[in-house]
Amino acid sequence: MGAAGGTDPAGRPPAGSASRPRPRARSRRGGRWPGGDGGGMRLLFLAVLRPHTGNAVTAQRVRDHLEAAGHVCLLKDAFDFDGPSEIAALIQAEAVEAALALHLYRGGRLLLGHGIPFGIIFGGTDLNEDINQGEKHQVMGKVLEEARFAVAFTESMKEMARLQWVDPVFTREVKAKVKRATGVRLIPEMPQGDLHAVVKKCFALVNSSVSEGMSAAILEAMDLEVPVLARNIPGNAAVVTHEVTGLLFSDPQEFVQLAKRLVSDPALEKELVANGRRYVRMYHSWQVERDTYQHLVRTLEGSPED
């Protein structure tokens, strides 16, 4: 059995991002912050920071990228703010020049109308779930209209690291089924280091999601040299090539068949592990991700009129 959660230890360069170039300009305070290749900006970064989740770790990693370029990055939990007025007060108090939000609705809506440039990183549930709700759909559209750039982790769904939240009713159903299942354990969230230790002891990681943006758990398993069995959906198929970097199944019967094949074929296991690790190192480079975010944030400097 496999585990799920956490974030990509090797990093993940965005597969799809778009930005509108802007000329460089002086900061609003008339100077530059020290560091980077020409001075940094004072940035507000909004994300949902629930401990030990892929979203929180991704936000911390992106902040590290930005601060390494000399920017001052104020990472705040979007759930700590009731509305844009509180954000406006924070922007003024902290002399914020530009902003970034992880999740088009939860973070992005708080940045509307403040007059500072900002960028968006898709979270997963924003385009998988929130887009189907009329009011949220309209708000997210306005966010994209004002955003200087939007970052997506996969070409197939144009999403970034997904937010892992289980609906209360669905959560109860899962827990009830787990109690009735022999040999199945439900493990709560855990620190990334502990999660990696658990995954490394597994024979394989199984991703049975019916909706994915980019599965950080799959990329983690590949990097940790653990074979991957994943449901054949667009988000998973974007990072798993069947019988090359992992195995894709479409229904329970096919999963059982492929799992038995993996158990009985050591050569296949070895090939999948080698190809998976090579894929992560080639296409999900931590350094490429850092360079991409640093480049995108530079497009926030200045205003369209400058």
C-alpha atoms as a PDB file:
ATOM      1  CA  MET A   1       0.000   0.000   0.000  1.00  0.00           C
ATOM      2  CA  GLY A   2       1.116   3.578  -0.484  1.00  0.00           C
ATOM      3  CA  ALA A   3       0.665   6.856   1.296  1.00  0.00           C
ATOM      4  CA  ALA A   4      -0.471  10.259   0.179  1.00  0.00           C
ATOM      5  CA  GLY A   5       0.249  13.830   1.136  1.00  0.00           C
ATOM      6  CA  GLY A   6       3.232  16.106   1.553  1.00  0.00           C
ATOM      7  CA  THR A   7       4.882  17.841  -1.369  1.00  0.00           C
ATOM      8  CA  ASP A   8       7.467  17.327  -4.044  1.00  0.00           C
ATOM      9  CA  PRO A   9      10.926  17.011  -2.423  1.00  0.00           C
ATOM     10  CA  ALA A  10      12.705  17.658  -5.704  1.00  0.00           C
ATOM     11  CA  GLY A  11      10.608  20.697  -6.547  1.00  0.00           C
ATOM     12  CA  ARG A  12       8.371  21.186  -9.523  1.00  0.00           C
ATOM     13  CA  PRO A  13       8.839  23.733 -12.298  1.00  0.00           C
ATOM     14  CA  PRO A  14       5.463  25.084 -13.389  1.00  0.00           C
ATOM     15  CA  ALA A  15       4.288  23.353 -16.550  1.00  0.00           C
ATOM     16  CA  GLY A  16       2.179  26.266 -17.628  1.00  0.00           C
ATOM     17  CA  SER A  17       2.588  29.893 -16.708  1.00  0.00           C
ATOM     18  CA  ALA A  18       1.807  33.136 -18.390  1.00  0.00           C
ATOM     19  CA  SER A  19       2.845  36.661 -17.644  1.00  0.00           C
ATOM     20  CA  ARG A  20       2.604  40.070 -19.189  1.00  0.00           C
ATOM     21  CA  PRO A  21       6.023  41.783 -19.230  1.00  0.00           C
ATOM     22  CA  ARG A  22       6.259  45.000 -17.269  1.00  0.00           C
ATOM     23  CA  PRO A  23       9.115  47.532 -17.203  1.00  0.00           C
ATOM     24  CA  ARG A  24      11.192  47.651 -14.047  1.00  0.00           C
ATOM     25  CA  ALA A  25      10.566  50.565 -11.704  1.00  0.00           C
ATOM     26  CA  ARG A  26      11.619  51.907  -8.354  1.00  0.00           C
ATOM     27  CA  SER A  27       9.829  50.640  -5.272  1.00  0.00           C
ATOM     28  CA  ARG A  28       6.981  52.649  -3.765  1.00  0.00           C
ATOM     29  CA  ARG A  29       9.228  53.597  -0.894  1.00  0.00           C
ATOM     30  CA  GLY A  30      11.723  55.140  -3.274  1.00  0.00           C
ATOM     31  CA  GLY A  31      14.454  52.527  -2.951  1.00  0.00           C
ATOM     32  CA  ARG A  32      15.283  48.828  -3.185  1.00  0.00           C
ATOM     33  CA  TRP A  33      15.680  46.177  -0.542  1.00  0.00           C
ATOM     34  CA  PRO A  34      19.179  44.690  -0.452  1.00  0.00           C
ATOM     35  CA  GLY A  35      19.886  41.334  -2.083  1.00  0.00           C
ATOM     36  CA  GLY A  36      19.114  39.630  -5.387  1.00  0.00           C
ATOM     37  CA  ASP A  37      20.419  40.837  -8.709  1.00  0.00           C
ATOM     38  CA  GLY A  38      19.096  44.372  -8.419  1.00  0.00           C
ATOM     39  CA  GLY A  39      17.327  44.662  -5.114  1.00  0.00           C
ATOM     40  CA  GLY A  40      14.135  43.018  -3.945  1.00  0.00           C
ATOM     41  CA  MET A  41      10.521  43.914  -3.337  1.00  0.00           C
ATOM     42  CA  ARG A  42       8.375  43.656  -0.248  1.00  0.00           C
ATOM     43  CA  LEU A  43       5.903  40.877  -1.091  1.00  0.00           C
ATOM     44  CA  LEU A  44       2.734  39.575   0.539  1.00  0.00           C
ATOM     45  CA  PHE A  45       2.208  35.843  -0.062  1.00  0.00           C
ATOM     46  CA  LEU A  46      -1.258  34.438   0.797  1.00  0.00           C
ATOM     47  CA  ALA A  47      -1.812  30.705   1.111  1.00  0.00           C
ATOM     48  CA  VAL A  48      -3.749  28.233   3.269  1.00  0.00           C
ATOM     49  CA  LEU A  49      -1.144  27.096   5.777  1.00  0.00           C
ATOM     50  CA  ARG A  50      -2.659  24.037   7.440  1.00  0.00           C
ATOM     51  CA  PRO A  51       0.322  22.231   9.045  1.00  0.00           C
ATOM     52  CA  HIS A  52       1.883  19.202   7.344  1.00  0.00           C
ATOM     53  CA  THR A  53      -0.035  19.619   4.085  1.00  0.00           C
ATOM     54  CA  GLY A  54       1.408  19.814   0.596  1.00  0.00           C
ATOM     55  CA  ASN A  55      -0.034  23.312   0.246  1.00  0.00           C
ATOM     56  CA  ALA A  56       1.783  24.625   3.317  1.00  0.00           C
ATOM     57  CA  VAL A  57       5.107  23.049   2.354  1.00  0.00           C
ATOM     58  CA  THR A  58       4.769  24.326  -1.222  1.00  0.00           C
ATOM     59  CA  ALA A  59       4.160  27.842   0.099  1.00  0.00           C
ATOM     60  CA  GLN A  60       7.246  27.643   2.303  1.00  0.00           C
ATOM     61  CA  ARG A  61       9.329  26.421  -0.627  1.00  0.00           C
ATOM     62  CA  VAL A  62       8.143  29.214  -2.926  1.00  0.00           C
ATOM     63  CA  ARG A  63       8.862  31.755  -0.186  1.00  0.00           C
ATOM     64  CA  ASP A  64      12.404  30.384   0.077  1.00  0.00           C
ATOM     65  CA  HIS A  65      12.830  30.848  -3.672  1.00  0.00           C
ATOM     66  CA  LEU A  66      11.715  34.471  -3.471  1.00  0.00           C
ATOM     67  CA  GLU A  67      13.780  35.350  -0.429  1.00  0.00           C
ATOM     68  CA  ALA A  68      16.834  33.779  -2.061  1.00  0.00           C
ATOM     69  CA  ALA A  69      16.435  36.435  -4.771  1.00  0.00           C
ATOM     70  CA  GLY A  70      16.531  39.191  -2.166  1.00  0.00           C
ATOM     71  CA  HIS A  71      12.801  39.841  -1.744  1.00  0.00           C
ATOM     72  CA  VAL A  72      11.107  40.294   1.625  1.00  0.00           C
ATOM     73  CA  CYS A  73       8.266  37.741   1.592  1.00  0.00           C
ATOM     74  CA  LEU A  74       5.488  38.004   4.199  1.00  0.00           C
ATOM     75  CA  LEU A  75       3.800  34.589   4.173  1.00  0.00           C
ATOM     76  CA  LYS A  76       0.300  34.791   5.661  1.00  0.00           C
ATOM     77  CA  ASP A  77      -2.543  32.303   6.101  1.00  0.00           C
ATOM     78  CA  ALA A  78      -5.478  33.357   3.913  1.00  0.00           C
ATOM     79  CA  PHE A  79      -7.896  31.948   6.490  1.00  0.00           C
ATOM     80  CA  ASP A  80      -6.666  34.523   9.034  1.00  0.00           C
ATOM     81  CA  PHE A  81      -8.389  37.309   7.094  1.00  0.00           C
ATOM     82  CA  ASP A  82     -12.118  37.946   6.938  1.00  0.00           C
ATOM     83  CA  GLY A  83     -11.971  40.101   3.839  1.00  0.00           C
ATOM     84  CA  PRO A  84     -10.101  42.562   1.613  1.00  0.00           C
ATOM     85  CA  SER A  85     -10.304  45.394   4.182  1.00  0.00           C
ATOM     86  CA  GLU A  86      -7.974  43.530   6.541  1.00  0.00           C
ATOM     87  CA  ILE A  87      -5.589  42.893   3.670  1.00  0.00           C
ATOM     88  CA  ALA A  88      -5.672  46.599   2.799  1.00  0.00           C
ATOM     89  CA  ALA A  89      -4.628  47.449   6.349  1.00  0.00           C
ATOM     90  CA  LEU A  90      -1.808  44.899   6.216  1.00  0.00           C
ATOM     91  CA  ILE A  91      -0.582  46.242   2.880  1.00  0.00           C
ATOM     92  CA  GLN A  92      -0.389  49.738   4.306  1.00  0.00           C
ATOM     93  CA  ALA A  93       1.166  48.721   7.619  1.00  0.00           C
ATOM     94  CA  GLU A  94       3.834  46.530   6.014  1.00  0.00           C
ATOM     95  CA  ALA A  95       4.478  48.779   2.975  1.00  0.00           C
ATOM     96  CA  VAL A  96       3.729  45.847   0.650  1.00  0.00           C
ATOM     97  CA  GLU A  97       4.659  46.484  -2.990  1.00  0.00           C
ATOM     98  CA  ALA A  98       3.327  43.329  -4.674  1.00  0.00           C
ATOM     99  CA  ALA A  99       1.620  40.068  -3.792  1.00  0.00           C
ATOM    100  CA  LEU A 100       1.308  36.381  -4.617  1.00  0.00           C
ATOM    101  CA  ALA A 101      -1.535  33.993  -3.808  1.00  0.00           C
ATOM    102  CA  LEU A 102      -1.672  30.212  -3.761  1.00  0.00           C
ATOM    103  CA  HIS A 103      -5.227  29.198  -4.773  1.00  0.00           C
ATOM    104  CA  LEU A 104      -7.241  31.304  -7.152  1.00  0.00           C
ATOM    105  CA  TYR A 105     -10.251  31.730  -4.858  1.00  0.00           C
ATOM    106  CA  ARG A 106      -9.089  31.357  -1.256  1.00  0.00           C
ATOM    107  CA  GLY A 107      -6.079  33.597  -1.658  1.00  0.00           C
ATOM    108  CA  GLY A 108      -6.730  35.461  -4.883  1.00  0.00           C
ATOM    109  CA  ARG A 109     -10.052  37.017  -3.905  1.00  0.00           C
ATOM    110  CA  LEU A 110      -8.366  38.811  -1.006  1.00  0.00           C
ATOM    111  CA  LEU A 111      -6.044  40.662  -3.383  1.00  0.00           C
ATOM    112  CA  LEU A 112      -8.731  42.268  -5.548  1.00  0.00           C
ATOM    113  CA  GLY A 113      -8.937  46.038  -5.740  1.00  0.00           C
ATOM    114  CA  HIS A 114      -5.859  47.018  -3.727  1.00  0.00           C
ATOM    115  CA  GLY A 115      -3.937  48.552  -6.613  1.00  0.00           C
ATOM    116  CA  ILE A 116      -0.786  46.476  -6.149  1.00  0.00           C
ATOM    117  CA  PRO A 117       0.433  44.015  -8.790  1.00  0.00           C
ATOM    118  CA  PHE A 118       0.004  40.336  -7.949  1.00  0.00           C
ATOM    119  CA  GLY A 119       0.390  36.855  -9.375  1.00  0.00           C
ATOM    120  CA  ILE A 120      -1.590  33.646  -8.848  1.00  0.00           C
ATOM    121  CA  ILE A 121      -0.608  30.011  -8.367  1.00  0.00           C
ATOM    122  CA  PHE A 122      -3.437  27.574  -9.061  1.00  0.00           C
ATOM    123  CA  GLY A 123      -4.108  25.303  -6.112  1.00  0.00           C
ATOM    124  CA  GLY A 124      -6.117  22.424  -7.586  1.00  0.00           C
ATOM    125  CA  THR A 125      -9.467  22.653  -5.837  1.00  0.00           C
ATOM    126  CA  ASP A 126      -9.975  26.085  -7.324  1.00  0.00           C
ATOM    127  CA  LEU A 127     -10.250  24.664 -10.842  1.00  0.00           C
ATOM    128  CA  ASN A 128     -11.492  21.199  -9.911  1.00  0.00           C
ATOM    129  CA  GLU A 129     -14.253  22.253  -7.540  1.00  0.00           C
ATOM    130  CA  ASP A 130     -14.749  26.001  -7.023  1.00  0.00           C
ATOM    131  CA  ILE A 131     -15.063  26.689 -10.727  1.00  0.00           C
ATOM    132  CA  ASN A 132     -18.400  24.821 -10.692  1.00  0.00           C
ATOM    133  CA  GLN A 133     -19.934  27.259  -8.194  1.00  0.00           C
ATOM    134  CA  GLY A 134     -21.403  30.320  -9.845  1.00  0.00           C
ATOM    135  CA  GLU A 135     -20.364  33.029  -7.398  1.00  0.00           C
ATOM    136  CA  LYS A 136     -16.857  31.635  -6.924  1.00  0.00           C
ATOM    137  CA  HIS A 137     -16.501  31.257 -10.691  1.00  0.00           C
ATOM    138  CA  GLN A 138     -17.182  34.980 -11.157  1.00  0.00           C
ATOM    139  CA  VAL A 139     -14.780  35.992  -8.407  1.00  0.00           C
ATOM    140  CA  MET A 140     -11.986  33.821  -9.798  1.00  0.00           C
ATOM    141  CA  GLY A 141     -12.535  35.354 -13.215  1.00  0.00           C
ATOM    142  CA  LYS A 142     -12.016  38.820 -11.745  1.00  0.00           C
ATOM    143  CA  VAL A 143      -8.871  37.628  -9.988  1.00  0.00           C
ATOM    144  CA  LEU A 144      -7.406  36.375 -13.260  1.00  0.00           C
ATOM    145  CA  GLU A 145      -8.263  39.651 -14.959  1.00  0.00           C
ATOM    146  CA  GLU A 146      -6.214  41.597 -12.423  1.00  0.00           C
ATOM    147  CA  ALA A 147      -3.359  39.079 -12.030  1.00  0.00           C
ATOM    148  CA  ARG A 148      -0.076  39.792 -13.797  1.00  0.00           C
ATOM    149  CA  PHE A 149       0.599  36.071 -14.188  1.00  0.00           C
ATOM    150  CA  ALA A 150      -0.901  32.670 -13.378  1.00  0.00           C
ATOM    151  CA  VAL A 151       1.152  29.551 -12.643  1.00  0.00           C
ATOM    152  CA  ALA A 152       0.008  26.003 -13.465  1.00  0.00           C
ATOM    153  CA  PHE A 153       1.766  22.753 -12.596  1.00  0.00           C
ATOM    154  CA  THR A 154       0.390  20.573 -15.407  1.00  0.00           C
ATOM    155  CA  GLU A 155      -0.447  21.291 -19.007  1.00  0.00           C
ATOM    156  CA  SER A 156      -3.484  19.011 -18.856  1.00  0.00           C
ATOM    157  CA  MET A 157      -5.391  20.808 -16.111  1.00  0.00           C
ATOM    158  CA  LYS A 158      -3.516  24.088 -15.685  1.00  0.00           C
ATOM    159  CA  GLU A 159      -3.332  23.708 -11.931  1.00  0.00           C
ATOM    160  CA  MET A 160      -0.695  24.053  -9.204  1.00  0.00           C
ATOM    161  CA  ALA A 161      -0.149  21.944  -6.113  1.00  0.00           C
ATOM    162  CA  ARG A 162      -3.577  20.753  -5.044  1.00  0.00           C
ATOM    163  CA  LEU A 163      -5.026  21.524  -1.629  1.00  0.00           C
ATOM    164  CA  GLN A 164      -5.834  18.284   0.183  1.00  0.00           C
ATOM    165  CA  TRP A 165      -9.145  18.854   2.062  1.00  0.00           C
ATOM    166  CA  VAL A 166     -11.616  15.931   2.602  1.00  0.00           C
ATOM    167  CA  ASP A 167     -15.410  16.908   2.621  1.00  0.00           C
ATOM    168  CA  PRO A 168     -16.906  16.022   6.088  1.00  0.00           C
ATOM    169  CA  VAL A 169     -19.481  13.560   4.735  1.00  0.00           C
ATOM    170  CA  PHE A 170     -16.936  11.863   2.501  1.00  0.00           C
ATOM    171  CA  THR A 171     -14.459  11.737   5.385  1.00  0.00           C
ATOM    172  CA  ARG A 172     -16.957   9.857   7.549  1.00  0.00           C
ATOM    173  CA  GLU A 173     -17.657   7.417   4.724  1.00  0.00           C
ATOM    174  CA  VAL A 174     -13.944   6.724   4.224  1.00  0.00           C
ATOM    175  CA  LYS A 175     -13.314   6.185   7.940  1.00  0.00           C
ATOM    176  CA  ALA A 176     -16.273   3.826   8.195  1.00  0.00           C
ATOM    177  CA  LYS A 177     -15.053   1.726   5.265  1.00  0.00           C
ATOM    178  CA  VAL A 178     -11.504   1.628   6.620  1.00  0.00           C
ATOM    179  CA  LYS A 179     -12.773   0.226   9.927  1.00  0.00           C
ATOM    180  CA  ARG A 180     -14.465  -2.620   8.051  1.00  0.00           C
ATOM    181  CA  ALA A 181     -11.455  -3.377   5.834  1.00  0.00           C
ATOM    182  CA  THR A 182      -8.881  -5.946   6.930  1.00  0.00           C
ATOM    183  CA  GLY A 183      -5.274  -4.804   6.686  1.00  0.00           C
ATOM    184  CA  VAL A 184      -6.106  -1.182   5.869  1.00  0.00           C
ATOM    185  CA  ARG A 185      -5.009   1.676   8.124  1.00  0.00           C
ATOM    186  CA  LEU A 186      -5.918   5.352   7.964  1.00  0.00           C
ATOM    187  CA  ILE A 187      -2.907   7.453   8.939  1.00  0.00           C
ATOM    188  CA  PRO A 188      -3.367  11.132   9.871  1.00  0.00           C
ATOM    189  CA  GLU A 189      -1.268  13.982   8.525  1.00  0.00           C
ATOM    190  CA  MET A 190       2.377  13.864   9.538  1.00  0.00           C
ATOM    191  CA  PRO A 191       5.541  15.925   9.059  1.00  0.00           C
ATOM    192  CA  GLN A 192       7.155  15.545   5.663  1.00  0.00           C
ATOM    193  CA  GLY A 193      10.232  13.754   6.980  1.00  0.00           C
ATOM    194  CA  ASP A 194       8.112  11.127   8.729  1.00  0.00           C
ATOM    195  CA  LEU A 195       5.961  10.712   5.641  1.00  0.00           C
ATOM    196  CA  HIS A 196       8.994  10.096   3.449  1.00  0.00           C
ATOM    197  CA  ALA A 197      10.252   7.462   5.877  1.00  0.00           C
ATOM    198  CA  VAL A 198       6.890   5.673   5.685  1.00  0.00           C
ATOM    199  CA  VAL A 199       6.753   5.850   1.877  1.00  0.00           C
ATOM    200  CA  LYS A 200      10.286   4.449   1.530  1.00  0.00           C
ATOM    201  CA  LYS A 201       9.192   1.343   3.458  1.00  0.00           C
ATOM    202  CA  CYS A 202       6.243   0.750   1.119  1.00  0.00           C
ATOM    203  CA  PHE A 203       6.314  -1.644  -1.811  1.00  0.00           C
ATOM    204  CA  ALA A 204       4.383   0.839  -3.940  1.00  0.00           C
ATOM    205  CA  LEU A 205       2.436   4.072  -3.762  1.00  0.00           C
ATOM    206  CA  VAL A 206      -1.200   3.933  -4.900  1.00  0.00           C
ATOM    207  CA  ASN A 207      -3.024   7.032  -6.067  1.00  0.00           C
ATOM    208  CA  SER A 208      -6.718   6.290  -6.548  1.00  0.00           C
ATOM    209  CA  SER A 209      -7.929   9.892  -6.789  1.00  0.00           C
ATOM    210  CA  VAL A 210     -10.745  10.643  -9.213  1.00  0.00           C
ATOM    211  CA  SER A 211      -9.577  14.259  -9.561  1.00  0.00           C
ATOM    212  CA  GLU A 212      -5.998  15.535  -9.496  1.00  0.00           C
ATOM    213  CA  GLY A 213      -4.099  18.625 -10.505  1.00  0.00           C
ATOM    214  CA  MET A 214      -0.545  17.509  -9.851  1.00  0.00           C
ATOM    215  CA  SER A 215      -0.043  14.726  -7.332  1.00  0.00           C
ATOM    216  CA  ALA A 216       2.890  15.688  -5.135  1.00  0.00           C
ATOM    217  CA  ALA A 217       2.674  12.235  -3.538  1.00  0.00           C
ATOM    218  CA  ILE A 218       3.393  10.574  -6.901  1.00  0.00           C
ATOM    219  CA  LEU A 219       6.436  12.771  -7.511  1.00  0.00           C
ATOM    220  CA  GLU A 220       7.666  12.130  -3.967  1.00  0.00           C
ATOM    221  CA  ALA A 221       7.390   8.379  -4.472  1.00  0.00           C
ATOM    222  CA  MET A 222       9.313   8.561  -7.743  1.00  0.00           C
ATOM    223  CA  ASP A 223      12.063  10.585  -6.095  1.00  0.00           C
ATOM    224  CA  LEU A 224      12.174   8.125  -3.178  1.00  0.00           C
ATOM    225  CA  GLU A 225      12.475   5.184  -5.624  1.00  0.00           C
ATOM    226  CA  VAL A 226       9.070   3.695  -4.842  1.00  0.00           C
ATOM    227  CA  PRO A 227       6.940   2.290  -7.725  1.00  0.00           C
ATOM    228  CA  VAL A 228       3.693   4.092  -8.512  1.00  0.00           C
ATOM    229  CA  LEU A 229       0.237   2.683  -9.276  1.00  0.00           C
ATOM    230  CA  ALA A 230      -2.165   5.489 -10.203  1.00  0.00           C
ATOM    231  CA  ARG A 231      -5.703   5.875 -11.496  1.00  0.00           C
ATOM    232  CA  ASN A 232      -5.719   6.816 -15.174  1.00  0.00           C
ATOM    233  CA  ILE A 233      -7.028  10.389 -14.962  1.00  0.00           C
ATOM    234  CA  PRO A 234      -5.570  13.451 -16.749  1.00  0.00           C
ATOM    235  CA  GLY A 235      -3.716  14.825 -13.727  1.00  0.00           C
ATOM    236  CA  ASN A 236      -1.989  11.504 -13.015  1.00  0.00           C
ATOM    237  CA  ALA A 237      -1.355  10.670 -16.663  1.00  0.00           C
ATOM    238  CA  ALA A 238       0.443  14.010 -16.990  1.00  0.00           C
ATOM    239  CA  VAL A 239       3.235  12.714 -14.725  1.00  0.00           C
ATOM    240  CA  VAL A 240       2.930   8.918 -15.061  1.00  0.00           C
ATOM    241  CA  THR A 241       3.610   7.184 -18.360  1.00  0.00           C
ATOM    242  CA  HIS A 242       2.119   3.684 -18.267  1.00  0.00           C
ATOM    243  CA  GLU A 243       4.738   0.931 -18.001  1.00  0.00           C
ATOM    244  CA  VAL A 244       7.517   3.537 -18.172  1.00  0.00           C
ATOM    245  CA  THR A 245       7.450   5.675 -15.012  1.00  0.00           C
ATOM    246  CA  GLY A 246       4.575   3.830 -13.344  1.00  0.00           C
ATOM    247  CA  LEU A 247       1.386   1.856 -13.915  1.00  0.00           C
ATOM    248  CA  LEU A 248      -2.022   3.370 -14.699  1.00  0.00           C
ATOM    249  CA  PHE A 249      -5.303   1.601 -13.966  1.00  0.00           C
ATOM    250  CA  SER A 250      -8.862   2.497 -14.936  1.00  0.00           C
ATOM    251  CA  ASP A 251     -10.894   0.276 -12.593  1.00  0.00           C
ATOM    252  CA  PRO A 252     -10.439  -1.950  -9.512  1.00  0.00           C
ATOM    253  CA  GLN A 253     -10.044  -5.098 -11.582  1.00  0.00           C
ATOM    254  CA  GLU A 254      -7.212  -3.602 -13.617  1.00  0.00           C
ATOM    255  CA  PHE A 255      -5.578  -2.331 -10.435  1.00  0.00           C
ATOM    256  CA  VAL A 256      -5.529  -5.838  -8.953  1.00  0.00           C
ATOM    257  CA  GLN A 257      -4.100  -7.240 -12.185  1.00  0.00           C
ATOM    258  CA  LEU A 258      -1.338  -4.637 -12.364  1.00  0.00           C
ATOM    259  CA  ALA A 259      -0.524  -4.911  -8.654  1.00  0.00           C
ATOM    260  CA  LYS A 260      -0.053  -8.689  -8.971  1.00  0.00           C
ATOM    261  CA  ARG A 261       2.126  -8.145 -12.023  1.00  0.00           C
ATOM    262  CA  LEU A 262       4.309  -5.660 -10.152  1.00  0.00           C
ATOM    263  CA  VAL A 263       4.718  -8.015  -7.198  1.00  0.00           C
ATOM    264  CA  SER A 264       5.732 -10.936  -9.411  1.00  0.00           C
ATOM    265  CA  ASP A 265       8.029  -9.036 -11.796  1.00  0.00           C
ATOM    266  CA  PRO A 266      11.158  -7.606 -10.075  1.00  0.00           C
ATOM    267  CA  ALA A 267      12.566  -6.489 -13.429  1.00  0.00           C
ATOM    268  CA  LEU A 268       9.509  -4.340 -14.072  1.00  0.00           C
ATOM    269  CA  GLU A 269       9.743  -2.846 -10.595  1.00  0.00           C
ATOM    270  CA  LYS A 270      13.399  -1.965 -11.133  1.00  0.00           C
ATOM    271  CA  GLU A 271      12.675  -0.354 -14.501  1.00  0.00           C
ATOM    272  CA  LEU A 272       9.768   1.731 -13.188  1.00  0.00           C
ATOM    273  CA  VAL A 273      11.829   2.941 -10.236  1.00  0.00           C
ATOM    274  CA  ALA A 274      14.770   3.977 -12.415  1.00  0.00           C
ATOM    275  CA  ASN A 275      12.597   5.717 -14.992  1.00  0.00           C
ATOM    276  CA  GLY A 276      10.508   7.454 -12.332  1.00  0.00           C
ATOM    277  CA  ARG A 277      13.511   8.883 -10.530  1.00  0.00           C
ATOM    278  CA  ARG A 278      15.049  10.013 -13.822  1.00  0.00           C
ATOM    279  CA  TYR A 279      11.773  11.711 -14.798  1.00  0.00           C
ATOM    280  CA  VAL A 280      11.540  13.664 -11.519  1.00  0.00           C
ATOM    281  CA  ARG A 281      15.144  14.828 -11.717  1.00  0.00           C
ATOM    282  CA  MET A 282      14.739  15.902 -15.350  1.00  0.00           C
ATOM    283  CA  TYR A 283      11.308  17.573 -15.350  1.00  0.00           C
ATOM    284  CA  HIS A 284      10.675  18.584 -11.740  1.00  0.00           C
ATOM    285  CA  SER A 285      13.933  20.249 -10.853  1.00  0.00           C
ATOM    286  CA  TRP A 286      13.980  22.278  -7.654  1.00  0.00           C
ATOM    287  CA  GLN A 287      16.430  24.741  -9.203  1.00  0.00           C
ATOM    288  CA  VAL A 288      14.293  25.255 -12.315  1.00  0.00           C
ATOM    289  CA  GLU A 289      11.277  25.911 -10.095  1.00  0.00           C
ATOM    290  CA  ARG A 290      13.250  28.490  -8.114  1.00  0.00           C
ATOM    291  CA  ASP A 291      14.449  30.251 -11.273  1.00  0.00           C
ATOM    292  CA  THR A 292      10.903  30.307 -12.690  1.00  0.00           C
ATOM    293  CA  TYR A 293       9.330  31.916  -9.620  1.00  0.00           C
ATOM    294  CA  GLN A 294      12.118  34.446  -9.302  1.00  0.00           C
ATOM    295  CA  HIS A 295      11.637  35.423 -12.946  1.00  0.00           C
ATOM    296  CA  LEU A 296       7.854  35.691 -12.621  1.00  0.00           C
ATOM    297  CA  VAL A 297       8.003  37.832  -9.489  1.00  0.00           C
ATOM    298  CA  ARG A 298      10.238  40.306 -11.305  1.00  0.00           C
ATOM    299  CA  THR A 299       7.282  40.976 -13.629  1.00  0.00           C
ATOM    300  CA  LEU A 300       5.411  42.414 -10.629  1.00  0.00           C
ATOM    301  CA  GLU A 301       7.843  45.311 -10.327  1.00  0.00           C
ATOM    302  CA  GLY A 302       6.446  48.552 -11.638  1.00  0.00           C
ATOM    303  CA  SER A 303       2.966  49.242 -12.986  1.00  0.00           C
ATOM    304  CA  PRO A 304       1.405  48.887 -16.470  1.00  0.00           C
ATOM    305  CA  GLU A 305       1.659  52.645 -16.915  1.00  0.00           C
ATOM    306  CA  ASP A 306       5.371  52.882 -16.070  1.00  0.00           C
END
